[in-house]
Amino acid sequence: MTVNQTTQLHPLMFALLLCLLPTNVTAQARIAVLDFELKDLTLKPGVPQEVERTASVKPMLEEELKKSGYEIVTIPMDAQTQATAGFGYLFDHHDTAAQLAQQYGADYVIVGRLHKPSFLFVYLMAHLIDVKQQRLIADYLSEVKGGEKKLTRKGVESLVVKVNDTFSGLK
């Protein structure tokens, strides 16, 4: 083999190696986050502070997911409202949530609920749904004790750690 033949093999070997590498190693998931719903089981349901806290979860979650390198896909609220057939519908119907997210080019969709069984704590509940397969791939729960914004953020950060763990397991 001459020097010239050796240098011609390198680009071919390099191209072959590139073909063997998984394509999703560098590509980040495109995730849509739907608005969280408030399920308040207390004696005073739907107080303005809880409605406000529930509305703050989606933007916090999107912000934390962006920090982790995920691409956020926006789904307009009117499209989410049109896709739902009532409270908890998208949370319970993964196929419908996936079909909605697919219309906007998402790979995954997170459907969430702020579940308030007590005045002392809430649960941030979230489903991670694979859009292509239209199935639930992870179910998350994060307990938040107290109503302060920083505590809600800690709960959201806990959800993102769990999302990262799920994606680490998929590779």
C-alpha atoms as a PDB file:
ATOM      1  CA  MET A   1       0.000   0.000   0.000  1.00  0.00           C
ATOM      2  CA  THR A   2       1.415   3.347  -0.981  1.00  0.00           C
ATOM      3  CA  VAL A   3       1.227   6.568   1.001  1.00  0.00           C
ATOM      4  CA  ASN A   4      -1.356   7.863  -1.445  1.00  0.00           C
ATOM      5  CA  GLN A   5      -3.643   4.829  -0.937  1.00  0.00           C
ATOM      6  CA  THR A   6      -3.400   5.177   2.861  1.00  0.00           C
ATOM      7  CA  THR A   7      -4.545   8.792   2.817  1.00  0.00           C
ATOM      8  CA  GLN A   8      -7.489   7.860   0.600  1.00  0.00           C
ATOM      9  CA  LEU A   9      -8.705   5.300   3.125  1.00  0.00           C
ATOM     10  CA  HIS A  10      -8.948   7.761   5.982  1.00  0.00           C
ATOM     11  CA  PRO A  11     -11.964   9.699   4.665  1.00  0.00           C
ATOM     12  CA  LEU A  12     -13.745   6.412   3.945  1.00  0.00           C
ATOM     13  CA  MET A  13     -13.014   5.068   7.423  1.00  0.00           C
ATOM     14  CA  PHE A  14     -14.140   8.337   8.940  1.00  0.00           C
ATOM     15  CA  ALA A  15     -17.404   8.261   6.972  1.00  0.00           C
ATOM     16  CA  LEU A  16     -17.999   4.652   8.040  1.00  0.00           C
ATOM     17  CA  LEU A  17     -17.435   5.535  11.684  1.00  0.00           C
ATOM     18  CA  LEU A  18     -19.853   8.449  11.434  1.00  0.00           C
ATOM     19  CA  CYS A  19     -22.518   6.115  10.072  1.00  0.00           C
ATOM     20  CA  LEU A  20     -22.071   3.765  13.014  1.00  0.00           C
ATOM     21  CA  LEU A  21     -22.565   6.461  15.660  1.00  0.00           C
ATOM     22  CA  PRO A  22     -26.097   6.924  17.033  1.00  0.00           C
ATOM     23  CA  THR A  23     -27.684  10.041  15.568  1.00  0.00           C
ATOM     24  CA  ASN A  24     -29.498  11.104  18.741  1.00  0.00           C
ATOM     25  CA  VAL A  25     -26.400  11.572  20.888  1.00  0.00           C
ATOM     26  CA  THR A  26     -26.092  15.263  20.072  1.00  0.00           C
ATOM     27  CA  ALA A  27     -29.719  16.042  19.234  1.00  0.00           C
ATOM     28  CA  GLN A  28     -31.749  17.330  22.173  1.00  0.00           C
ATOM     29  CA  ALA A  29     -35.361  16.396  22.587  1.00  0.00           C
ATOM     30  CA  ARG A  30     -38.013  18.887  21.524  1.00  0.00           C
ATOM     31  CA  ILE A  31     -40.402  19.080  24.495  1.00  0.00           C
ATOM     32  CA  ALA A  32     -43.792  20.749  24.706  1.00  0.00           C
ATOM     33  CA  VAL A  33     -45.079  21.636  28.166  1.00  0.00           C
ATOM     34  CA  LEU A  34     -48.818  22.027  28.573  1.00  0.00           C
ATOM     35  CA  ASP A  35     -50.356  24.293  31.194  1.00  0.00           C
ATOM     36  CA  PHE A  36     -50.643  22.575  34.562  1.00  0.00           C
ATOM     37  CA  GLU A  37     -54.138  22.082  35.986  1.00  0.00           C
ATOM     38  CA  LEU A  38     -55.038  22.741  39.605  1.00  0.00           C
ATOM     39  CA  LYS A  39     -56.765  19.894  41.419  1.00  0.00           C
ATOM     40  CA  ASP A  40     -57.569  21.480  44.768  1.00  0.00           C
ATOM     41  CA  LEU A  41     -59.199  19.111  47.275  1.00  0.00           C
ATOM     42  CA  THR A  42     -59.119  21.520  50.237  1.00  0.00           C
ATOM     43  CA  LEU A  43     -62.160  23.110  51.867  1.00  0.00           C
ATOM     44  CA  LYS A  44     -61.351  26.401  50.083  1.00  0.00           C
ATOM     45  CA  PRO A  45     -60.557  25.305  46.519  1.00  0.00           C
ATOM     46  CA  GLY A  46     -59.257  27.600  43.819  1.00  0.00           C
ATOM     47  CA  VAL A  47     -58.012  30.504  45.938  1.00  0.00           C
ATOM     48  CA  PRO A  48     -56.207  33.121  43.805  1.00  0.00           C
ATOM     49  CA  GLN A  49     -52.785  32.271  45.288  1.00  0.00           C
ATOM     50  CA  GLU A  50     -53.098  28.622  44.182  1.00  0.00           C
ATOM     51  CA  VAL A  51     -54.388  29.555  40.763  1.00  0.00           C
ATOM     52  CA  GLU A  52     -51.377  31.885  40.392  1.00  0.00           C
ATOM     53  CA  ARG A  53     -48.950  29.227  41.645  1.00  0.00           C
ATOM     54  CA  THR A  54     -50.394  26.677  39.227  1.00  0.00           C
ATOM     55  CA  ALA A  55     -49.997  29.110  36.322  1.00  0.00           C
ATOM     56  CA  SER A  56     -46.349  29.701  37.302  1.00  0.00           C
ATOM     57  CA  VAL A  57     -45.345  26.036  37.036  1.00  0.00           C
ATOM     58  CA  LYS A  58     -45.277  25.804  33.223  1.00  0.00           C
ATOM     59  CA  PRO A  59     -42.973  28.831  32.670  1.00  0.00           C
ATOM     60  CA  MET A  60     -40.683  27.668  35.489  1.00  0.00           C
ATOM     61  CA  LEU A  61     -40.538  24.162  34.036  1.00  0.00           C
ATOM     62  CA  GLU A  62     -39.802  25.458  30.540  1.00  0.00           C
ATOM     63  CA  GLU A  63     -37.032  27.677  31.917  1.00  0.00           C
ATOM     64  CA  GLU A  64     -35.422  24.797  33.824  1.00  0.00           C
ATOM     65  CA  LEU A  65     -35.710  22.445  30.834  1.00  0.00           C
ATOM     66  CA  LYS A  66     -34.004  25.065  28.624  1.00  0.00           C
ATOM     67  CA  LYS A  67     -31.154  25.255  31.155  1.00  0.00           C
ATOM     68  CA  SER A  68     -30.749  21.496  30.726  1.00  0.00           C
ATOM     69  CA  GLY A  69     -30.454  21.957  26.961  1.00  0.00           C
ATOM     70  CA  TYR A  70     -33.885  20.868  25.769  1.00  0.00           C
ATOM     71  CA  GLU A  71     -35.652  22.693  22.976  1.00  0.00           C
ATOM     72  CA  ILE A  72     -39.045  23.963  24.081  1.00  0.00           C
ATOM     73  CA  VAL A  73     -41.975  23.698  21.679  1.00  0.00           C
ATOM     74  CA  THR A  74     -44.796  26.180  22.227  1.00  0.00           C
ATOM     75  CA  ILE A  75     -48.392  25.033  21.967  1.00  0.00           C
ATOM     76  CA  PRO A  76     -50.927  27.872  22.027  1.00  0.00           C
ATOM     77  CA  MET A  77     -53.363  27.810  24.937  1.00  0.00           C
ATOM     78  CA  ASP A  78     -56.365  27.846  22.602  1.00  0.00           C
ATOM     79  CA  ALA A  79     -55.086  24.665  20.913  1.00  0.00           C
ATOM     80  CA  GLN A  80     -54.686  23.011  24.317  1.00  0.00           C
ATOM     81  CA  THR A  81     -58.190  24.116  25.318  1.00  0.00           C
ATOM     82  CA  GLN A  82     -59.630  22.769  22.053  1.00  0.00           C
ATOM     83  CA  ALA A  83     -57.907  19.392  22.506  1.00  0.00           C
ATOM     84  CA  THR A  84     -59.269  18.809  25.973  1.00  0.00           C
ATOM     85  CA  ALA A  85     -62.687  17.386  26.726  1.00  0.00           C
ATOM     86  CA  GLY A  86     -62.668  18.554  30.333  1.00  0.00           C
ATOM     87  CA  PHE A  87     -60.553  18.722  33.461  1.00  0.00           C
ATOM     88  CA  GLY A  88     -57.772  16.143  33.514  1.00  0.00           C
ATOM     89  CA  TYR A  89     -58.515  14.880  30.006  1.00  0.00           C
ATOM     90  CA  LEU A  90     -55.045  15.404  28.531  1.00  0.00           C
ATOM     91  CA  PHE A  91     -53.432  14.170  31.763  1.00  0.00           C
ATOM     92  CA  ASP A  92     -55.357  10.900  31.421  1.00  0.00           C
ATOM     93  CA  HIS A  93     -55.360  10.559  27.599  1.00  0.00           C
ATOM     94  CA  HIS A  94     -51.757  10.293  26.486  1.00  0.00           C
ATOM     95  CA  ASP A  95     -52.693   9.655  22.864  1.00  0.00           C
ATOM     96  CA  THR A  96     -54.646  12.913  22.599  1.00  0.00           C
ATOM     97  CA  ALA A  97     -51.851  14.900  24.285  1.00  0.00           C
ATOM     98  CA  ALA A  98     -49.347  13.302  21.888  1.00  0.00           C
ATOM     99  CA  GLN A  99     -51.471  14.135  18.839  1.00  0.00           C
ATOM    100  CA  LEU A 100     -51.705  17.751  19.982  1.00  0.00           C
ATOM    101  CA  ALA A 101     -47.936  18.013  20.510  1.00  0.00           C
ATOM    102  CA  GLN A 102     -47.228  16.318  17.180  1.00  0.00           C
ATOM    103  CA  GLN A 103     -49.054  19.140  15.368  1.00  0.00           C
ATOM    104  CA  TYR A 104     -46.390  21.528  16.693  1.00  0.00           C
ATOM    105  CA  GLY A 105     -43.346  19.348  15.998  1.00  0.00           C
ATOM    106  CA  ALA A 106     -42.610  18.123  19.533  1.00  0.00           C
ATOM    107  CA  ASP A 107     -40.852  14.829  20.268  1.00  0.00           C
ATOM    108  CA  TYR A 108     -42.247  14.683  23.801  1.00  0.00           C
ATOM    109  CA  VAL A 109     -44.963  16.428  25.755  1.00  0.00           C
ATOM    110  CA  ILE A 110     -45.248  17.028  29.482  1.00  0.00           C
ATOM    111  CA  VAL A 111     -48.773  17.144  30.870  1.00  0.00           C
ATOM    112  CA  GLY A 112     -49.022  18.247  34.479  1.00  0.00           C
ATOM    113  CA  ARG A 113     -51.216  18.802  37.462  1.00  0.00           C
ATOM    114  CA  LEU A 114     -50.788  20.673  40.722  1.00  0.00           C
ATOM    115  CA  HIS A 115     -52.568  18.375  43.163  1.00  0.00           C
ATOM    116  CA  LYS A 116     -53.472  20.035  46.467  1.00  0.00           C
ATOM    117  CA  PRO A 117     -54.842  17.572  49.044  1.00  0.00           C
ATOM    118  CA  SER A 118     -53.951  19.824  52.005  1.00  0.00           C
ATOM    119  CA  PHE A 119     -53.197  23.417  52.971  1.00  0.00           C
ATOM    120  CA  LEU A 120     -49.713  22.262  54.032  1.00  0.00           C
ATOM    121  CA  PHE A 121     -48.372  20.770  50.803  1.00  0.00           C
ATOM    122  CA  VAL A 122     -49.009  20.142  47.111  1.00  0.00           C
ATOM    123  CA  TYR A 123     -47.818  17.576  44.639  1.00  0.00           C
ATOM    124  CA  LEU A 124     -46.469  18.527  41.238  1.00  0.00           C
ATOM    125  CA  MET A 125     -47.520  15.632  39.046  1.00  0.00           C
ATOM    126  CA  ALA A 126     -46.259  15.282  35.494  1.00  0.00           C
ATOM    127  CA  HIS A 127     -46.512  12.767  32.680  1.00  0.00           C
ATOM    128  CA  LEU A 128     -43.777  12.569  30.038  1.00  0.00           C
ATOM    129  CA  ILE A 129     -45.312  11.284  26.827  1.00  0.00           C
ATOM    130  CA  ASP A 130     -43.475  10.060  23.731  1.00  0.00           C
ATOM    131  CA  VAL A 131     -45.265  11.833  20.876  1.00  0.00           C
ATOM    132  CA  LYS A 132     -44.322   9.392  18.121  1.00  0.00           C
ATOM    133  CA  GLN A 133     -45.372   6.314  20.101  1.00  0.00           C
ATOM    134  CA  GLN A 134     -48.288   8.149  21.775  1.00  0.00           C
ATOM    135  CA  ARG A 135     -47.509   6.530  25.104  1.00  0.00           C
ATOM    136  CA  LEU A 136     -46.523   7.453  28.632  1.00  0.00           C
ATOM    137  CA  ILE A 137     -42.819   6.901  29.249  1.00  0.00           C
ATOM    138  CA  ALA A 138     -42.522   8.437  32.718  1.00  0.00           C
ATOM    139  CA  ASP A 139     -44.754   9.509  35.587  1.00  0.00           C
ATOM    140  CA  TYR A 140     -43.277  12.055  38.011  1.00  0.00           C
ATOM    141  CA  LEU A 141     -44.257  13.298  41.444  1.00  0.00           C
ATOM    142  CA  SER A 142     -42.618  16.088  43.409  1.00  0.00           C
ATOM    143  CA  GLU A 143     -43.864  17.178  46.830  1.00  0.00           C
ATOM    144  CA  VAL A 144     -43.795  20.869  47.722  1.00  0.00           C
ATOM    145  CA  LYS A 145     -44.329  21.862  51.351  1.00  0.00           C
ATOM    146  CA  GLY A 146     -45.467  25.465  51.670  1.00  0.00           C
ATOM    147  CA  GLY A 147     -46.660  28.078  49.216  1.00  0.00           C
ATOM    148  CA  GLU A 148     -43.568  30.195  48.659  1.00  0.00           C
ATOM    149  CA  LYS A 149     -42.412  30.685  45.076  1.00  0.00           C
ATOM    150  CA  LYS A 150     -38.889  29.429  45.863  1.00  0.00           C
ATOM    151  CA  LEU A 151     -40.356  26.175  47.195  1.00  0.00           C
ATOM    152  CA  THR A 152     -42.420  25.717  44.042  1.00  0.00           C
ATOM    153  CA  ARG A 153     -39.262  26.286  41.988  1.00  0.00           C
ATOM    154  CA  LYS A 154     -37.460  23.592  44.019  1.00  0.00           C
ATOM    155  CA  GLY A 155     -40.299  21.226  43.155  1.00  0.00           C
ATOM    156  CA  VAL A 156     -39.976  22.115  39.474  1.00  0.00           C
ATOM    157  CA  GLU A 157     -36.202  21.620  39.629  1.00  0.00           C
ATOM    158  CA  SER A 158     -36.860  18.182  41.117  1.00  0.00           C
ATOM    159  CA  LEU A 159     -39.084  17.353  38.133  1.00  0.00           C
ATOM    160  CA  VAL A 160     -36.331  18.369  35.706  1.00  0.00           C
ATOM    161  CA  VAL A 161     -33.812  16.124  37.484  1.00  0.00           C
ATOM    162  CA  LYS A 162     -36.269  13.262  36.972  1.00  0.00           C
ATOM    163  CA  VAL A 163     -36.751  14.170  33.293  1.00  0.00           C
ATOM    164  CA  ASN A 164     -32.966  14.211  32.812  1.00  0.00           C
ATOM    165  CA  ASP A 165     -32.728  10.795  34.498  1.00  0.00           C
ATOM    166  CA  THR A 166     -35.384   9.433  32.141  1.00  0.00           C
ATOM    167  CA  PHE A 167     -33.545  10.670  29.061  1.00  0.00           C
ATOM    168  CA  SER A 168     -30.235   9.327  30.382  1.00  0.00           C
ATOM    169  CA  GLY A 169     -31.894   5.915  30.577  1.00  0.00           C
ATOM    170  CA  LEU A 170     -33.192   6.128  26.992  1.00  0.00           C
ATOM    171  CA  LYS A 171     -29.732   6.548  25.424  1.00  0.00           C
END
